[in-house]
N, C-alpha and C. Protein backbone atom coordinates (compact mmCIF):
# COMPACT_ATOMS: atom_id res chain seq x y z
N MET A 1 -78.95 -149.88 -39.87
CA MET A 1 -80.27 -149.57 -39.38
C MET A 1 -80.48 -148.07 -39.23
N GLU A 2 -79.43 -147.32 -38.97
CA GLU A 2 -79.58 -145.87 -38.81
C GLU A 2 -79.94 -145.18 -40.12
N THR A 3 -79.73 -145.84 -41.23
CA THR A 3 -80.08 -145.25 -42.52
C THR A 3 -81.56 -144.92 -42.58
N GLY A 4 -82.42 -145.79 -42.01
CA GLY A 4 -83.86 -145.57 -42.05
C GLY A 4 -84.38 -144.77 -40.88
N CYS A 5 -83.49 -144.25 -40.05
CA CYS A 5 -83.92 -143.53 -38.86
C CYS A 5 -83.11 -142.24 -38.72
N PRO A 6 -83.77 -141.13 -38.47
CA PRO A 6 -83.03 -139.87 -38.37
C PRO A 6 -82.28 -139.70 -37.04
N HIS A 7 -82.47 -140.62 -36.11
CA HIS A 7 -81.86 -140.51 -34.79
C HIS A 7 -80.71 -141.50 -34.64
N GLU A 8 -79.79 -141.18 -33.78
CA GLU A 8 -78.71 -142.12 -33.47
C GLU A 8 -79.30 -143.29 -32.69
N LEU A 9 -78.94 -144.50 -33.09
CA LEU A 9 -79.49 -145.69 -32.44
C LEU A 9 -78.50 -146.27 -31.45
N HIS A 10 -79.06 -146.86 -30.40
CA HIS A 10 -78.27 -147.55 -29.38
C HIS A 10 -78.91 -148.92 -29.18
N ILE A 11 -78.12 -149.97 -29.25
CA ILE A 11 -78.65 -151.32 -29.03
C ILE A 11 -78.85 -151.52 -27.55
N GLU A 12 -80.10 -151.82 -27.19
CA GLU A 12 -80.47 -152.04 -25.79
C GLU A 12 -80.41 -153.52 -25.43
N ALA A 13 -80.75 -154.39 -26.40
CA ALA A 13 -80.76 -155.82 -26.12
C ALA A 13 -80.71 -156.58 -27.44
N VAL A 14 -80.15 -157.77 -27.37
CA VAL A 14 -80.14 -158.69 -28.49
C VAL A 14 -80.62 -160.02 -27.93
N ALA A 15 -81.66 -160.57 -28.52
CA ALA A 15 -82.21 -161.84 -28.02
C ALA A 15 -82.16 -162.88 -29.11
N ASP A 16 -81.72 -164.06 -28.75
CA ASP A 16 -81.67 -165.18 -29.69
C ASP A 16 -82.94 -165.99 -29.53
N TRP A 17 -84.06 -165.35 -29.89
CA TRP A 17 -85.37 -165.99 -29.80
C TRP A 17 -85.74 -166.57 -31.16
N PRO A 18 -86.60 -167.58 -31.18
CA PRO A 18 -87.02 -168.15 -32.47
C PRO A 18 -87.72 -167.10 -33.33
N ASP A 19 -87.54 -167.19 -34.64
CA ASP A 19 -88.15 -166.25 -35.57
C ASP A 19 -89.67 -166.21 -35.43
N GLU A 20 -90.27 -167.35 -35.08
CA GLU A 20 -91.72 -167.41 -34.97
C GLU A 20 -92.27 -166.46 -33.90
N GLU A 21 -91.47 -166.11 -32.93
CA GLU A 21 -91.92 -165.22 -31.85
C GLU A 21 -92.12 -163.79 -32.36
N GLU A 22 -91.51 -163.45 -33.47
CA GLU A 22 -91.61 -162.07 -33.97
C GLU A 22 -93.06 -161.68 -34.24
N ARG A 23 -93.86 -162.62 -34.74
CA ARG A 23 -95.27 -162.30 -35.00
C ARG A 23 -95.99 -161.91 -33.72
N ARG A 24 -95.70 -162.63 -32.64
CA ARG A 24 -96.35 -162.29 -31.37
C ARG A 24 -95.80 -160.99 -30.81
N LEU A 25 -94.52 -160.72 -31.03
CA LEU A 25 -93.95 -159.43 -30.58
C LEU A 25 -94.64 -158.28 -31.31
N HIS A 26 -94.84 -158.42 -32.61
CA HIS A 26 -95.53 -157.37 -33.38
C HIS A 26 -96.96 -157.19 -32.87
N ARG A 27 -97.62 -158.28 -32.60
CA ARG A 27 -98.99 -158.19 -32.09
C ARG A 27 -99.02 -157.48 -30.75
N TYR A 28 -98.10 -157.82 -29.89
CA TYR A 28 -98.02 -157.22 -28.55
C TYR A 28 -97.77 -155.72 -28.64
N LEU A 29 -97.00 -155.30 -29.64
CA LEU A 29 -96.63 -153.89 -29.78
C LEU A 29 -97.47 -153.14 -30.82
N GLU A 30 -98.55 -153.74 -31.31
CA GLU A 30 -99.30 -153.13 -32.42
C GLU A 30 -99.83 -151.74 -32.10
N ALA A 31 -100.11 -151.42 -30.85
CA ALA A 31 -100.61 -150.09 -30.50
C ALA A 31 -99.54 -149.01 -30.70
N SER A 32 -98.28 -149.41 -30.68
CA SER A 32 -97.20 -148.43 -30.86
C SER A 32 -96.49 -148.60 -32.20
N PHE A 33 -97.12 -149.34 -33.12
CA PHE A 33 -96.53 -149.60 -34.44
C PHE A 33 -96.38 -148.30 -35.23
N VAL A 34 -95.20 -148.12 -35.84
CA VAL A 34 -94.95 -146.96 -36.70
C VAL A 34 -94.90 -147.42 -38.16
N ARG A 35 -93.92 -148.26 -38.48
CA ARG A 35 -93.74 -148.75 -39.85
C ARG A 35 -92.69 -149.84 -39.84
N GLY A 36 -92.92 -150.89 -40.61
CA GLY A 36 -91.93 -151.96 -40.73
C GLY A 36 -91.58 -152.57 -39.38
N GLU A 37 -90.36 -152.36 -38.97
CA GLU A 37 -89.87 -152.88 -37.69
C GLU A 37 -89.73 -151.78 -36.64
N TRP A 38 -90.38 -150.65 -36.86
CA TRP A 38 -90.24 -149.50 -35.96
C TRP A 38 -91.48 -149.34 -35.09
N PHE A 39 -91.25 -149.10 -33.79
CA PHE A 39 -92.30 -148.91 -32.81
C PHE A 39 -91.96 -147.71 -31.94
N GLU A 40 -93.00 -146.99 -31.50
CA GLU A 40 -92.80 -145.89 -30.56
C GLU A 40 -92.36 -146.46 -29.22
N ASP A 41 -91.46 -145.77 -28.55
CA ASP A 41 -91.02 -146.20 -27.23
C ASP A 41 -92.17 -146.08 -26.24
N GLY A 42 -92.25 -146.99 -25.31
CA GLY A 42 -93.30 -146.96 -24.31
C GLY A 42 -93.09 -148.09 -23.31
N ALA A 43 -94.06 -148.28 -22.44
CA ALA A 43 -93.94 -149.28 -21.38
C ALA A 43 -93.78 -150.69 -21.93
N ARG A 44 -94.55 -151.02 -22.96
CA ARG A 44 -94.43 -152.38 -23.52
C ARG A 44 -93.08 -152.61 -24.18
N VAL A 45 -92.61 -151.62 -24.91
CA VAL A 45 -91.28 -151.75 -25.55
C VAL A 45 -90.21 -151.91 -24.47
N GLN A 46 -90.27 -151.10 -23.44
CA GLN A 46 -89.29 -151.19 -22.37
C GLN A 46 -89.37 -152.53 -21.65
N GLY A 47 -90.59 -153.04 -21.46
CA GLY A 47 -90.76 -154.36 -20.83
C GLY A 47 -90.14 -155.47 -21.67
N LEU A 48 -90.33 -155.38 -22.98
CA LEU A 48 -89.74 -156.40 -23.86
C LEU A 48 -88.22 -156.31 -23.86
N ILE A 49 -87.69 -155.10 -23.80
CA ILE A 49 -86.23 -154.94 -23.74
C ILE A 49 -85.70 -155.65 -22.50
N LYS A 50 -86.38 -155.47 -21.38
CA LYS A 50 -85.93 -156.14 -20.13
C LYS A 50 -86.01 -157.65 -20.27
N LEU A 51 -87.07 -158.15 -20.90
CA LEU A 51 -87.17 -159.59 -21.12
C LEU A 51 -86.04 -160.10 -22.00
N MET A 52 -85.70 -159.33 -23.03
CA MET A 52 -84.64 -159.74 -23.94
C MET A 52 -83.26 -159.70 -23.27
N GLN A 53 -83.11 -158.87 -22.27
CA GLN A 53 -81.85 -158.80 -21.53
C GLN A 53 -81.73 -159.93 -20.52
N ASP A 54 -82.85 -160.53 -20.15
CA ASP A 54 -82.90 -161.58 -19.14
C ASP A 54 -82.64 -162.94 -19.80
N PRO A 55 -81.72 -163.76 -19.26
CA PRO A 55 -81.48 -165.09 -19.85
C PRO A 55 -82.73 -165.98 -19.86
N ASN A 56 -83.66 -165.75 -18.93
CA ASN A 56 -84.91 -166.52 -18.88
C ASN A 56 -86.08 -165.74 -19.49
N GLY A 57 -85.76 -164.70 -20.24
CA GLY A 57 -86.79 -163.83 -20.78
C GLY A 57 -87.73 -164.50 -21.75
N LEU A 58 -87.23 -165.45 -22.54
CA LEU A 58 -88.09 -166.13 -23.50
C LEU A 58 -89.19 -166.91 -22.78
N ASP A 59 -88.83 -167.58 -21.69
CA ASP A 59 -89.84 -168.31 -20.91
C ASP A 59 -90.86 -167.35 -20.33
N ALA A 60 -90.40 -166.22 -19.82
CA ALA A 60 -91.32 -165.22 -19.27
C ALA A 60 -92.22 -164.66 -20.36
N TRP A 61 -91.64 -164.42 -21.54
CA TRP A 61 -92.43 -163.92 -22.67
C TRP A 61 -93.52 -164.92 -23.05
N ARG A 62 -93.17 -166.18 -23.11
CA ARG A 62 -94.16 -167.20 -23.48
C ARG A 62 -95.26 -167.31 -22.42
N THR A 63 -94.92 -167.09 -21.16
CA THR A 63 -95.94 -167.07 -20.10
C THR A 63 -96.90 -165.91 -20.30
N ILE A 64 -96.37 -164.75 -20.67
CA ILE A 64 -97.22 -163.58 -20.96
C ILE A 64 -98.17 -163.91 -22.12
N CYS A 65 -97.63 -164.52 -23.16
CA CYS A 65 -98.45 -164.88 -24.32
C CYS A 65 -99.54 -165.88 -23.95
N GLU A 66 -99.22 -166.85 -23.13
CA GLU A 66 -100.23 -167.81 -22.68
C GLU A 66 -101.33 -167.10 -21.90
N HIS A 67 -100.94 -166.17 -21.05
CA HIS A 67 -101.90 -165.39 -20.27
C HIS A 67 -102.83 -164.59 -21.18
N LEU A 68 -102.30 -164.10 -22.30
CA LEU A 68 -103.10 -163.35 -23.26
C LEU A 68 -103.93 -164.26 -24.17
N GLY A 69 -103.71 -165.58 -24.05
CA GLY A 69 -104.47 -166.53 -24.86
C GLY A 69 -103.90 -166.73 -26.25
N TRP A 70 -102.65 -166.36 -26.46
CA TRP A 70 -102.02 -166.52 -27.77
C TRP A 70 -101.34 -167.88 -27.82
N ARG A 71 -101.70 -168.66 -28.82
CA ARG A 71 -101.12 -169.99 -28.96
C ARG A 71 -99.67 -169.89 -29.43
N GLN A 72 -98.98 -171.00 -29.29
CA GLN A 72 -97.60 -171.08 -29.75
C GLN A 72 -97.59 -170.86 -31.26
N PRO A 73 -96.80 -169.92 -31.77
CA PRO A 73 -96.82 -169.65 -33.21
C PRO A 73 -96.19 -170.78 -34.01
N GLU A 74 -96.73 -170.94 -35.20
CA GLU A 74 -96.14 -171.88 -36.14
C GLU A 74 -95.35 -171.08 -37.16
N LYS A 75 -94.30 -171.68 -37.65
CA LYS A 75 -93.49 -170.99 -38.65
C LYS A 75 -94.29 -170.87 -39.94
N PRO A 76 -94.43 -169.64 -40.49
CA PRO A 76 -95.22 -169.49 -41.72
C PRO A 76 -94.50 -170.08 -42.92
N LYS A 77 -95.30 -170.47 -43.91
CA LYS A 77 -94.70 -170.94 -45.17
C LYS A 77 -94.13 -169.74 -45.90
N ARG A 78 -93.16 -169.97 -46.74
CA ARG A 78 -92.50 -168.88 -47.47
C ARG A 78 -93.53 -168.03 -48.23
N GLY A 79 -93.48 -166.71 -48.00
CA GLY A 79 -94.36 -165.77 -48.68
C GLY A 79 -95.75 -165.66 -48.09
N GLU A 80 -96.04 -166.44 -47.07
CA GLU A 80 -97.36 -166.42 -46.45
C GLU A 80 -97.48 -165.25 -45.48
N LYS A 81 -98.58 -164.52 -45.56
CA LYS A 81 -98.82 -163.42 -44.63
C LYS A 81 -99.28 -164.02 -43.31
N THR A 82 -98.72 -163.54 -42.22
CA THR A 82 -99.07 -164.09 -40.92
C THR A 82 -100.31 -163.41 -40.35
N LYS A 83 -100.99 -164.11 -39.48
CA LYS A 83 -102.21 -163.61 -38.85
C LYS A 83 -101.93 -162.37 -38.00
N PHE A 84 -100.77 -162.28 -37.41
CA PHE A 84 -100.47 -161.21 -36.48
C PHE A 84 -99.74 -160.04 -37.12
N ASP A 85 -99.59 -160.05 -38.42
CA ASP A 85 -98.85 -158.99 -39.10
C ASP A 85 -99.65 -157.69 -39.05
N PRO A 86 -99.14 -156.64 -38.37
CA PRO A 86 -99.90 -155.40 -38.23
C PRO A 86 -99.93 -154.55 -39.48
N ARG A 87 -99.12 -154.87 -40.44
CA ARG A 87 -99.09 -154.05 -41.66
C ARG A 87 -100.27 -154.37 -42.54
N PRO A 88 -100.96 -153.37 -43.04
CA PRO A 88 -102.10 -153.64 -43.91
C PRO A 88 -101.64 -154.14 -45.27
N GLU A 89 -102.52 -154.89 -45.91
CA GLU A 89 -102.24 -155.33 -47.28
C GLU A 89 -102.19 -154.09 -48.17
N PRO A 90 -101.29 -154.03 -49.13
CA PRO A 90 -101.28 -152.88 -50.05
C PRO A 90 -102.58 -152.86 -50.85
N LYS A 91 -103.09 -151.66 -51.09
CA LYS A 91 -104.33 -151.51 -51.83
C LYS A 91 -104.06 -151.63 -53.32
N THR A 92 -105.01 -152.25 -53.99
CA THR A 92 -104.91 -152.36 -55.45
C THR A 92 -105.32 -151.02 -56.05
N PRO A 93 -104.91 -150.74 -57.29
CA PRO A 93 -105.34 -149.49 -57.93
C PRO A 93 -106.87 -149.38 -57.99
N GLU A 94 -107.54 -150.51 -58.15
CA GLU A 94 -109.00 -150.51 -58.20
C GLU A 94 -109.59 -150.08 -56.84
N GLU A 95 -109.01 -150.57 -55.75
CA GLU A 95 -109.49 -150.19 -54.42
C GLU A 95 -109.24 -148.71 -54.15
N ILE A 96 -108.11 -148.21 -54.60
CA ILE A 96 -107.78 -146.79 -54.42
C ILE A 96 -108.78 -145.92 -55.18
N ARG A 97 -109.08 -146.28 -56.43
CA ARG A 97 -110.07 -145.51 -57.21
C ARG A 97 -111.45 -145.55 -56.56
N ARG A 98 -111.84 -146.72 -56.03
CA ARG A 98 -113.14 -146.86 -55.38
C ARG A 98 -113.22 -145.93 -54.16
N GLU A 99 -112.16 -145.89 -53.37
CA GLU A 99 -112.14 -145.00 -52.20
C GLU A 99 -112.18 -143.54 -52.61
N GLU A 100 -111.45 -143.20 -53.67
CA GLU A 100 -111.46 -141.81 -54.16
C GLU A 100 -112.87 -141.41 -54.62
N ARG A 101 -113.57 -142.33 -55.31
CA ARG A 101 -114.94 -142.04 -55.76
C ARG A 101 -115.87 -141.84 -54.56
N LYS A 102 -115.71 -142.66 -53.52
CA LYS A 102 -116.54 -142.51 -52.32
C LYS A 102 -116.31 -141.14 -51.68
N GLU A 103 -115.05 -140.73 -51.57
CA GLU A 103 -114.74 -139.42 -51.00
C GLU A 103 -115.30 -138.31 -51.86
N TRP A 104 -115.19 -138.44 -53.16
CA TRP A 104 -115.72 -137.45 -54.10
C TRP A 104 -117.23 -137.32 -53.91
N TRP A 105 -117.92 -138.47 -53.77
CA TRP A 105 -119.36 -138.47 -53.59
C TRP A 105 -119.73 -137.82 -52.25
N LYS A 106 -118.98 -138.12 -51.19
CA LYS A 106 -119.24 -137.53 -49.87
C LYS A 106 -119.11 -136.01 -49.91
N ARG A 107 -118.16 -135.51 -50.68
CA ARG A 107 -117.96 -134.06 -50.77
C ARG A 107 -119.01 -133.41 -51.67
N ASN A 108 -119.90 -134.21 -52.24
CA ASN A 108 -120.99 -133.73 -53.07
C ASN A 108 -120.50 -133.04 -54.34
N GLU A 109 -119.36 -133.45 -54.85
CA GLU A 109 -118.83 -132.86 -56.07
C GLU A 109 -119.55 -133.38 -57.30
N HIS A 110 -120.42 -134.35 -57.13
CA HIS A 110 -121.18 -134.90 -58.25
C HIS A 110 -122.39 -134.04 -58.60
N SER A 111 -122.75 -133.13 -57.72
CA SER A 111 -123.96 -132.33 -57.90
C SER A 111 -123.76 -131.26 -58.97
N LEU A 112 -124.66 -131.22 -59.94
CA LEU A 112 -124.59 -130.21 -60.99
C LEU A 112 -124.83 -128.81 -60.43
N SER A 113 -125.63 -128.70 -59.39
CA SER A 113 -125.96 -127.38 -58.84
C SER A 113 -124.71 -126.68 -58.32
N GLN A 114 -123.72 -127.44 -57.92
CA GLN A 114 -122.49 -126.81 -57.44
C GLN A 114 -121.67 -126.24 -58.57
N HIS A 115 -121.85 -126.78 -59.78
CA HIS A 115 -121.04 -126.33 -60.90
C HIS A 115 -121.75 -125.36 -61.83
N GLN A 116 -123.05 -125.10 -61.62
CA GLN A 116 -123.81 -124.27 -62.53
C GLN A 116 -123.34 -122.82 -62.57
N GLY A 117 -122.95 -122.28 -61.44
CA GLY A 117 -122.53 -120.88 -61.41
C GLY A 117 -121.10 -120.68 -61.89
N SER A 118 -120.36 -121.75 -62.09
CA SER A 118 -118.95 -121.61 -62.44
C SER A 118 -118.70 -121.64 -63.94
N THR A 119 -119.74 -121.85 -64.76
CA THR A 119 -119.49 -121.91 -66.22
C THR A 119 -119.77 -120.61 -66.89
């Protein structure tokens, strides 16, 4: 894991929670999402670490989720994107070109008057 991180890592907790809970963990931490499985340290991260260290932490976590109105997660089908996945869908080349054209138009680079003095 340290290969993808420039800092020395220390394991704070290991929890044997069902895989389905990961989607809700990502949703809970989405405000501090960095990339992939990386999140900025903060109060929510520290709270989850304490829950993971507690033998009854999974029950407490599920109570928090119920309070937030999050239903019990279902295991996704193979290759299915989950509802709570904070990572955006990769953009298609067509979407990238469309966004570039919009930016070009906003900068007014389409106007001939801007290019008349440069020839």
